[in-house]
């Protein structure tokens, strides 16, 4: 299978292609400097504070749904988005309305200075999509990578509980994904299609990035 030098991923359901990018360019740099999506913040730039949190989705093993996880975009290299879907704080909301997570943060007064808020919102968004009735421990675990120095965590924990009530008030399934629903199956199919286009090989002035799609392709990289 042929190699390619173009990173291909989905952003808000639309295909994005980035050719011959710097292998060490971060997702955060790409969002803020290239796309001017400045909702995602840079705090520590070391993966500790969570201000830069975004969500990445991949097709699940069953093939008819999505697995979402919150990541630190300040330490995630752009080529690692290949074959995935990216969600940022600008992705949330339907028809101009606040997403249930955002609405819950407002209602529970979960923000003061606001710098850390987009990261908290995205961590809660991942929890919202992956669980329907999380325990307090699961909520704490979901927020463990996000730091806030002024609001206090209790209002944010309350928002984590309130977001499900808001979701059901706005039509249930339109906000809370049901495994195997058509929208998920379509997205999962699109992501599988992106992964079936050959190994990714990017060479830049500061290094190389390789993502082989088979054992044979991987073996060719390490043979001596």
C-alpha atoms as a PDB file:
ATOM      1  CA  UNK A   1       0.000   0.000   0.000  1.00  0.00           C
ATOM      2  CA  UNK A   2       1.364   3.417  -0.939  1.00  0.00           C
ATOM      3  CA  UNK A   3       2.620   5.931   1.589  1.00  0.00           C
ATOM      4  CA  UNK A   4       1.145   9.403   1.857  1.00  0.00           C
ATOM      5  CA  UNK A   5       2.316  12.695   3.350  1.00  0.00           C
ATOM      6  CA  UNK A   6      -1.077  14.278   4.066  1.00  0.00           C
ATOM      7  CA  UNK A   7      -2.754  14.216   7.480  1.00  0.00           C
ATOM      8  CA  UNK A   8      -6.492  13.683   7.006  1.00  0.00           C
ATOM      9  CA  UNK A   9      -9.009  14.118   9.802  1.00  0.00           C
ATOM     10  CA  UNK A  10     -12.492  15.438  10.462  1.00  0.00           C
ATOM     11  CA  UNK A  11     -13.238  18.730  12.207  1.00  0.00           C
ATOM     12  CA  UNK A  12     -16.898  19.389  12.954  1.00  0.00           C
ATOM     13  CA  UNK A  13     -17.756  16.666  10.456  1.00  0.00           C
ATOM     14  CA  UNK A  14     -15.760  18.243   7.632  1.00  0.00           C
ATOM     15  CA  UNK A  15     -12.611  16.750   6.094  1.00  0.00           C
ATOM     16  CA  UNK A  16      -9.369  18.588   6.810  1.00  0.00           C
ATOM     17  CA  UNK A  17      -6.144  17.836   4.965  1.00  0.00           C
ATOM     18  CA  UNK A  18      -2.727  19.098   6.063  1.00  0.00           C
ATOM     19  CA  UNK A  19       0.153  18.208   3.789  1.00  0.00           C
ATOM     20  CA  UNK A  20       3.787  17.907   4.866  1.00  0.00           C
ATOM     21  CA  UNK A  21       3.205  19.474   8.250  1.00  0.00           C
ATOM     22  CA  UNK A  22       6.009  19.785  10.781  1.00  0.00           C
ATOM     23  CA  UNK A  23       5.950  16.433  12.647  1.00  0.00           C
ATOM     24  CA  UNK A  24       6.357  18.278  15.959  1.00  0.00           C
ATOM     25  CA  UNK A  25       3.664  20.913  15.359  1.00  0.00           C
ATOM     26  CA  UNK A  26       1.090  20.565  18.099  1.00  0.00           C
ATOM     27  CA  UNK A  27      -2.673  20.451  17.735  1.00  0.00           C
ATOM     28  CA  UNK A  28      -2.847  23.594  19.888  1.00  0.00           C
ATOM     29  CA  UNK A  29      -0.539  25.515  17.555  1.00  0.00           C
ATOM     30  CA  UNK A  30      -2.540  24.394  14.553  1.00  0.00           C
ATOM     31  CA  UNK A  31      -5.849  25.438  16.122  1.00  0.00           C
ATOM     32  CA  UNK A  32      -4.762  28.845  17.376  1.00  0.00           C
ATOM     33  CA  UNK A  33      -2.268  29.905  14.703  1.00  0.00           C
ATOM     34  CA  UNK A  34      -3.594  28.271  11.534  1.00  0.00           C
ATOM     35  CA  UNK A  35      -7.356  28.068  12.105  1.00  0.00           C
ATOM     36  CA  UNK A  36      -7.643  30.993  14.543  1.00  0.00           C
ATOM     37  CA  UNK A  37      -9.726  28.833  16.867  1.00  0.00           C
ATOM     38  CA  UNK A  38      -8.643  30.647  19.991  1.00  0.00           C
ATOM     39  CA  UNK A  39     -11.206  29.155  22.349  1.00  0.00           C
ATOM     40  CA  UNK A  40      -8.635  26.474  23.162  1.00  0.00           C
ATOM     41  CA  UNK A  41      -6.156  28.076  25.586  1.00  0.00           C
ATOM     42  CA  UNK A  42      -2.463  27.602  26.257  1.00  0.00           C
ATOM     43  CA  UNK A  43      -1.685  27.455  29.951  1.00  0.00           C
ATOM     44  CA  UNK A  44       1.319  25.434  31.046  1.00  0.00           C
ATOM     45  CA  UNK A  45       2.229  24.043  27.591  1.00  0.00           C
ATOM     46  CA  UNK A  46       3.317  20.875  29.404  1.00  0.00           C
ATOM     47  CA  UNK A  47       0.106  18.838  29.560  1.00  0.00           C
ATOM     48  CA  UNK A  48      -0.562  19.590  33.228  1.00  0.00           C
ATOM     49  CA  UNK A  49      -3.257  22.279  33.527  1.00  0.00           C
ATOM     50  CA  UNK A  50      -5.896  21.163  31.009  1.00  0.00           C
ATOM     51  CA  UNK A  51      -6.639  24.631  29.599  1.00  0.00           C
ATOM     52  CA  UNK A  52      -5.875  23.276  26.124  1.00  0.00           C
ATOM     53  CA  UNK A  53      -8.212  20.268  26.348  1.00  0.00           C
ATOM     54  CA  UNK A  54      -9.948  19.143  23.151  1.00  0.00           C
ATOM     55  CA  UNK A  55     -11.751  15.905  22.322  1.00  0.00           C
ATOM     56  CA  UNK A  56     -10.739  13.295  19.753  1.00  0.00           C
ATOM     57  CA  UNK A  57     -13.119  10.630  18.417  1.00  0.00           C
ATOM     58  CA  UNK A  58     -12.274   7.292  16.816  1.00  0.00           C
ATOM     59  CA  UNK A  59     -14.439   4.523  15.412  1.00  0.00           C
ATOM     60  CA  UNK A  60     -15.018   1.914  18.108  1.00  0.00           C
ATOM     61  CA  UNK A  61     -14.150  -1.763  17.801  1.00  0.00           C
ATOM     62  CA  UNK A  62     -17.739  -2.673  16.950  1.00  0.00           C
ATOM     63  CA  UNK A  63     -17.586  -0.347  13.976  1.00  0.00           C
ATOM     64  CA  UNK A  64     -20.955   1.354  14.504  1.00  0.00           C
ATOM     65  CA  UNK A  65     -20.107   3.989  17.105  1.00  0.00           C
ATOM     66  CA  UNK A  66     -17.477   6.388  18.369  1.00  0.00           C
ATOM     67  CA  UNK A  67     -15.020   6.368  21.239  1.00  0.00           C
ATOM     68  CA  UNK A  68     -14.250   9.851  22.520  1.00  0.00           C
ATOM     69  CA  UNK A  69     -11.425  10.952  24.763  1.00  0.00           C
ATOM     70  CA  UNK A  70     -10.210  14.283  26.086  1.00  0.00           C
ATOM     71  CA  UNK A  71      -6.586  15.118  25.234  1.00  0.00           C
ATOM     72  CA  UNK A  72      -4.093  17.883  25.982  1.00  0.00           C
ATOM     73  CA  UNK A  73      -3.644  19.611  22.638  1.00  0.00           C
ATOM     74  CA  UNK A  74      -0.445  21.360  23.787  1.00  0.00           C
ATOM     75  CA  UNK A  75       1.478  18.063  23.769  1.00  0.00           C
ATOM     76  CA  UNK A  76      -0.437  16.226  21.035  1.00  0.00           C
ATOM     77  CA  UNK A  77       1.306  16.351  17.670  1.00  0.00           C
ATOM     78  CA  UNK A  78      -0.835  17.273  14.688  1.00  0.00           C
ATOM     79  CA  UNK A  79      -0.021  14.132  12.633  1.00  0.00           C
ATOM     80  CA  UNK A  80      -1.586  11.977  15.378  1.00  0.00           C
ATOM     81  CA  UNK A  81      -5.021  13.293  14.352  1.00  0.00           C
ATOM     82  CA  UNK A  82      -4.842  11.272  11.139  1.00  0.00           C
ATOM     83  CA  UNK A  83      -7.967   9.156  10.746  1.00  0.00           C
ATOM     84  CA  UNK A  84      -9.720  10.737  13.721  1.00  0.00           C
ATOM     85  CA  UNK A  85     -12.297  13.442  14.378  1.00  0.00           C
ATOM     86  CA  UNK A  86     -11.476  16.559  16.379  1.00  0.00           C
ATOM     87  CA  UNK A  87     -13.879  18.559  18.529  1.00  0.00           C
ATOM     88  CA  UNK A  88     -13.018  21.937  20.072  1.00  0.00           C
ATOM     89  CA  UNK A  89     -15.060  24.230  22.289  1.00  0.00           C
ATOM     90  CA  UNK A  90     -16.222  26.001  19.110  1.00  0.00           C
ATOM     91  CA  UNK A  91     -17.709  22.699  17.926  1.00  0.00           C
ATOM     92  CA  UNK A  92     -20.341  22.575  20.648  1.00  0.00           C
ATOM     93  CA  UNK A  93     -23.920  23.779  20.427  1.00  0.00           C
ATOM     94  CA  UNK A  94     -26.649  23.184  17.890  1.00  0.00           C
ATOM     95  CA  UNK A  95     -28.241  25.993  15.918  1.00  0.00           C
ATOM     96  CA  UNK A  96     -26.531  28.666  17.992  1.00  0.00           C
ATOM     97  CA  UNK A  97     -27.835  27.266  21.294  1.00  0.00           C
ATOM     98  CA  UNK A  98     -25.539  26.369  24.151  1.00  0.00           C
ATOM     99  CA  UNK A  99     -24.592  22.733  24.457  1.00  0.00           C
ATOM    100  CA  UNK A 100     -25.995  21.116  27.646  1.00  0.00           C
ATOM    101  CA  UNK A 101     -22.471  21.103  29.089  1.00  0.00           C
ATOM    102  CA  UNK A 102     -22.035  24.828  28.470  1.00  0.00           C
ATOM    103  CA  UNK A 103     -25.517  25.595  29.776  1.00  0.00           C
ATOM    104  CA  UNK A 104     -24.835  23.632  32.962  1.00  0.00           C
ATOM    105  CA  UNK A 105     -21.595  25.547  33.562  1.00  0.00           C
ATOM    106  CA  UNK A 106     -23.524  28.822  33.301  1.00  0.00           C
ATOM    107  CA  UNK A 107     -26.367  27.678  35.539  1.00  0.00           C
ATOM    108  CA  UNK A 108     -24.032  26.296  38.211  1.00  0.00           C
ATOM    109  CA  UNK A 109     -21.680  29.315  38.128  1.00  0.00           C
ATOM    110  CA  UNK A 110     -18.775  27.089  37.138  1.00  0.00           C
ATOM    111  CA  UNK A 111     -16.556  29.862  35.812  1.00  0.00           C
ATOM    112  CA  UNK A 112     -14.893  32.982  37.216  1.00  0.00           C
ATOM    113  CA  UNK A 113     -11.895  34.229  35.233  1.00  0.00           C
ATOM    114  CA  UNK A 114     -12.848  31.848  32.420  1.00  0.00           C
ATOM    115  CA  UNK A 115      -9.362  30.950  31.211  1.00  0.00           C
ATOM    116  CA  UNK A 116      -9.656  27.301  32.252  1.00  0.00           C
ATOM    117  CA  UNK A 117     -13.352  27.028  31.338  1.00  0.00           C
ATOM    118  CA  UNK A 118     -13.015  25.781  27.714  1.00  0.00           C
ATOM    119  CA  UNK A 119     -10.829  22.917  28.933  1.00  0.00           C
ATOM    120  CA  UNK A 120     -13.309  21.957  31.641  1.00  0.00           C
ATOM    121  CA  UNK A 121     -16.149  22.121  29.127  1.00  0.00           C
ATOM    122  CA  UNK A 122     -14.355  19.757  26.761  1.00  0.00           C
ATOM    123  CA  UNK A 123     -13.514  17.267  29.528  1.00  0.00           C
ATOM    124  CA  UNK A 124     -17.170  17.316  30.551  1.00  0.00           C
ATOM    125  CA  UNK A 125     -18.208  16.953  26.911  1.00  0.00           C
ATOM    126  CA  UNK A 126     -16.183  13.739  26.644  1.00  0.00           C
ATOM    127  CA  UNK A 127     -17.820  12.467  29.838  1.00  0.00           C
ATOM    128  CA  UNK A 128     -21.246  13.505  28.548  1.00  0.00           C
ATOM    129  CA  UNK A 129     -20.752  11.475  25.370  1.00  0.00           C
ATOM    130  CA  UNK A 130     -19.248   8.417  27.072  1.00  0.00           C
ATOM    131  CA  UNK A 131     -21.476   8.021  30.139  1.00  0.00           C
ATOM    132  CA  UNK A 132     -25.150   8.518  30.959  1.00  0.00           C
ATOM    133  CA  UNK A 133     -25.073   8.417  34.761  1.00  0.00           C
ATOM    134  CA  UNK A 134     -21.504   8.845  36.033  1.00  0.00           C
ATOM    135  CA  UNK A 135     -20.677   8.411  39.697  1.00  0.00           C
ATOM    136  CA  UNK A 136     -18.952  11.142  41.679  1.00  0.00           C
ATOM    137  CA  UNK A 137     -15.711   9.190  41.335  1.00  0.00           C
ATOM    138  CA  UNK A 138     -16.118   9.044  37.545  1.00  0.00           C
ATOM    139  CA  UNK A 139     -16.787  12.782  37.453  1.00  0.00           C
ATOM    140  CA  UNK A 140     -13.689  13.460  39.555  1.00  0.00           C
ATOM    141  CA  UNK A 141     -11.617  11.207  37.304  1.00  0.00           C
ATOM    142  CA  UNK A 142     -12.887  13.006  34.180  1.00  0.00           C
ATOM    143  CA  UNK A 143     -11.852  16.369  35.650  1.00  0.00           C
ATOM    144  CA  UNK A 144      -8.570  15.211  37.176  1.00  0.00           C
ATOM    145  CA  UNK A 145      -6.523  16.709  34.337  1.00  0.00           C
ATOM    146  CA  UNK A 146      -8.050  20.188  34.619  1.00  0.00           C
ATOM    147  CA  UNK A 147      -6.845  22.815  37.080  1.00  0.00           C
ATOM    148  CA  UNK A 148      -8.797  25.869  38.277  1.00  0.00           C
ATOM    149  CA  UNK A 149      -7.361  28.441  40.649  1.00  0.00           C
ATOM    150  CA  UNK A 150     -10.371  30.693  41.232  1.00  0.00           C
ATOM    151  CA  UNK A 151     -13.784  29.053  40.774  1.00  0.00           C
ATOM    152  CA  UNK A 152     -13.459  26.046  43.053  1.00  0.00           C
ATOM    153  CA  UNK A 153     -14.386  22.597  41.890  1.00  0.00           C
ATOM    154  CA  UNK A 154     -17.774  22.082  43.544  1.00  0.00           C
ATOM    155  CA  UNK A 155     -19.740  24.241  41.030  1.00  0.00           C
ATOM    156  CA  UNK A 156     -18.036  22.387  38.175  1.00  0.00           C
ATOM    157  CA  UNK A 157     -18.926  19.020  39.700  1.00  0.00           C
ATOM    158  CA  UNK A 158     -22.518  20.235  40.029  1.00  0.00           C
ATOM    159  CA  UNK A 159     -22.432  21.210  36.353  1.00  0.00           C
ATOM    160  CA  UNK A 160     -21.329  17.669  35.528  1.00  0.00           C
ATOM    161  CA  UNK A 161     -24.530  16.423  37.134  1.00  0.00           C
ATOM    162  CA  UNK A 162     -26.769  19.140  35.676  1.00  0.00           C
ATOM    163  CA  UNK A 163     -25.625  18.632  32.061  1.00  0.00           C
ATOM    164  CA  UNK A 164     -27.612  15.407  31.734  1.00  0.00           C
ATOM    165  CA  UNK A 165     -30.805  17.109  32.878  1.00  0.00           C
ATOM    166  CA  UNK A 166     -30.214  19.816  30.283  1.00  0.00           C
ATOM    167  CA  UNK A 167     -29.609  17.202  27.602  1.00  0.00           C
ATOM    168  CA  UNK A 168     -32.919  15.487  28.182  1.00  0.00           C
ATOM    169  CA  UNK A 169     -34.759  18.809  28.280  1.00  0.00           C
ATOM    170  CA  UNK A 170     -33.518  19.568  24.771  1.00  0.00           C
ATOM    171  CA  UNK A 171     -34.696  16.395  23.082  1.00  0.00           C
ATOM    172  CA  UNK A 172     -32.617  13.603  24.574  1.00  0.00           C
ATOM    173  CA  UNK A 173     -31.107  11.737  21.657  1.00  0.00           C
ATOM    174  CA  UNK A 174     -30.314  14.943  19.787  1.00  0.00           C
ATOM    175  CA  UNK A 175     -27.830  15.696  22.570  1.00  0.00           C
ATOM    176  CA  UNK A 176     -26.988  12.360  24.156  1.00  0.00           C
ATOM    177  CA  UNK A 177     -25.696   9.810  21.681  1.00  0.00           C
ATOM    178  CA  UNK A 178     -27.192   6.345  21.742  1.00  0.00           C
ATOM    179  CA  UNK A 179     -24.741   3.606  20.653  1.00  0.00           C
ATOM    180  CA  UNK A 180     -25.327   2.691  17.047  1.00  0.00           C
ATOM    181  CA  UNK A 181     -27.506   5.681  16.199  1.00  0.00           C
ATOM    182  CA  UNK A 182     -27.313   6.716  12.510  1.00  0.00           C
ATOM    183  CA  UNK A 183     -25.206   9.802  13.141  1.00  0.00           C
ATOM    184  CA  UNK A 184     -22.583   7.761  14.970  1.00  0.00           C
ATOM    185  CA  UNK A 185     -22.553   5.018  12.352  1.00  0.00           C
ATOM    186  CA  UNK A 186     -22.053   7.568   9.585  1.00  0.00           C
ATOM    187  CA  UNK A 187     -19.167   9.247  11.417  1.00  0.00           C
ATOM    188  CA  UNK A 188     -17.577   5.905  12.278  1.00  0.00           C
ATOM    189  CA  UNK A 189     -17.806   4.860   8.630  1.00  0.00           C
ATOM    190  CA  UNK A 190     -16.163   8.088   7.516  1.00  0.00           C
ATOM    191  CA  UNK A 191     -13.317   7.584   9.997  1.00  0.00           C
ATOM    192  CA  UNK A 192     -12.746   4.016   8.891  1.00  0.00           C
ATOM    193  CA  UNK A 193     -12.508   5.301   5.326  1.00  0.00           C
ATOM    194  CA  UNK A 194      -9.794   7.760   6.348  1.00  0.00           C
ATOM    195  CA  UNK A 195      -7.736   4.984   7.949  1.00  0.00           C
ATOM    196  CA  UNK A 196      -7.782   2.833   4.834  1.00  0.00           C
ATOM    197  CA  UNK A 197      -5.710   5.106   2.649  1.00  0.00           C
ATOM    198  CA  UNK A 198      -2.183   3.886   3.288  1.00  0.00           C
ATOM    199  CA  UNK A 199       0.574   4.496   5.814  1.00  0.00           C
ATOM    200  CA  UNK A 200       1.372   8.058   6.806  1.00  0.00           C
ATOM    201  CA  UNK A 201       4.989   9.191   6.398  1.00  0.00           C
ATOM    202  CA  UNK A 202       5.972  12.797   7.095  1.00  0.00           C
ATOM    203  CA  UNK A 203       9.538  14.093   7.029  1.00  0.00           C
ATOM    204  CA  UNK A 204      10.342  17.535   8.347  1.00  0.00           C
ATOM    205  CA  UNK A 205      13.404  19.586   9.299  1.00  0.00           C
ATOM    206  CA  UNK A 206      13.019  18.602  12.960  1.00  0.00           C
ATOM    207  CA  UNK A 207      12.117  14.956  12.623  1.00  0.00           C
ATOM    208  CA  UNK A 208       9.898  12.351  11.042  1.00  0.00           C
ATOM    209  CA  UNK A 209       6.470  10.896  11.765  1.00  0.00           C
ATOM    210  CA  UNK A 210       5.387   7.450  10.615  1.00  0.00           C
ATOM    211  CA  UNK A 211       2.046   5.725  11.144  1.00  0.00           C
ATOM    212  CA  UNK A 212       2.157   2.315   9.436  1.00  0.00           C
ATOM    213  CA  UNK A 213      -1.152   0.583   8.775  1.00  0.00           C
ATOM    214  CA  UNK A 214       0.195  -2.988   8.639  1.00  0.00           C
ATOM    215  CA  UNK A 215       2.808  -5.193  10.271  1.00  0.00           C
ATOM    216  CA  UNK A 216       4.705  -5.335   6.995  1.00  0.00           C
ATOM    217  CA  UNK A 217       4.842  -1.541   6.738  1.00  0.00           C
ATOM    218  CA  UNK A 218       5.973  -1.317  10.359  1.00  0.00           C
ATOM    219  CA  UNK A 219       8.679  -3.922   9.838  1.00  0.00           C
ATOM    220  CA  UNK A 220      10.066  -1.989   6.878  1.00  0.00           C
ATOM    221  CA  UNK A 221      10.615   1.016   9.152  1.00  0.00           C
ATOM    222  CA  UNK A 222      12.745  -0.827  11.694  1.00  0.00           C
ATOM    223  CA  UNK A 223      14.675  -3.222   9.514  1.00  0.00           C
ATOM    224  CA  UNK A 224      18.426  -2.795   9.425  1.00  0.00           C
END
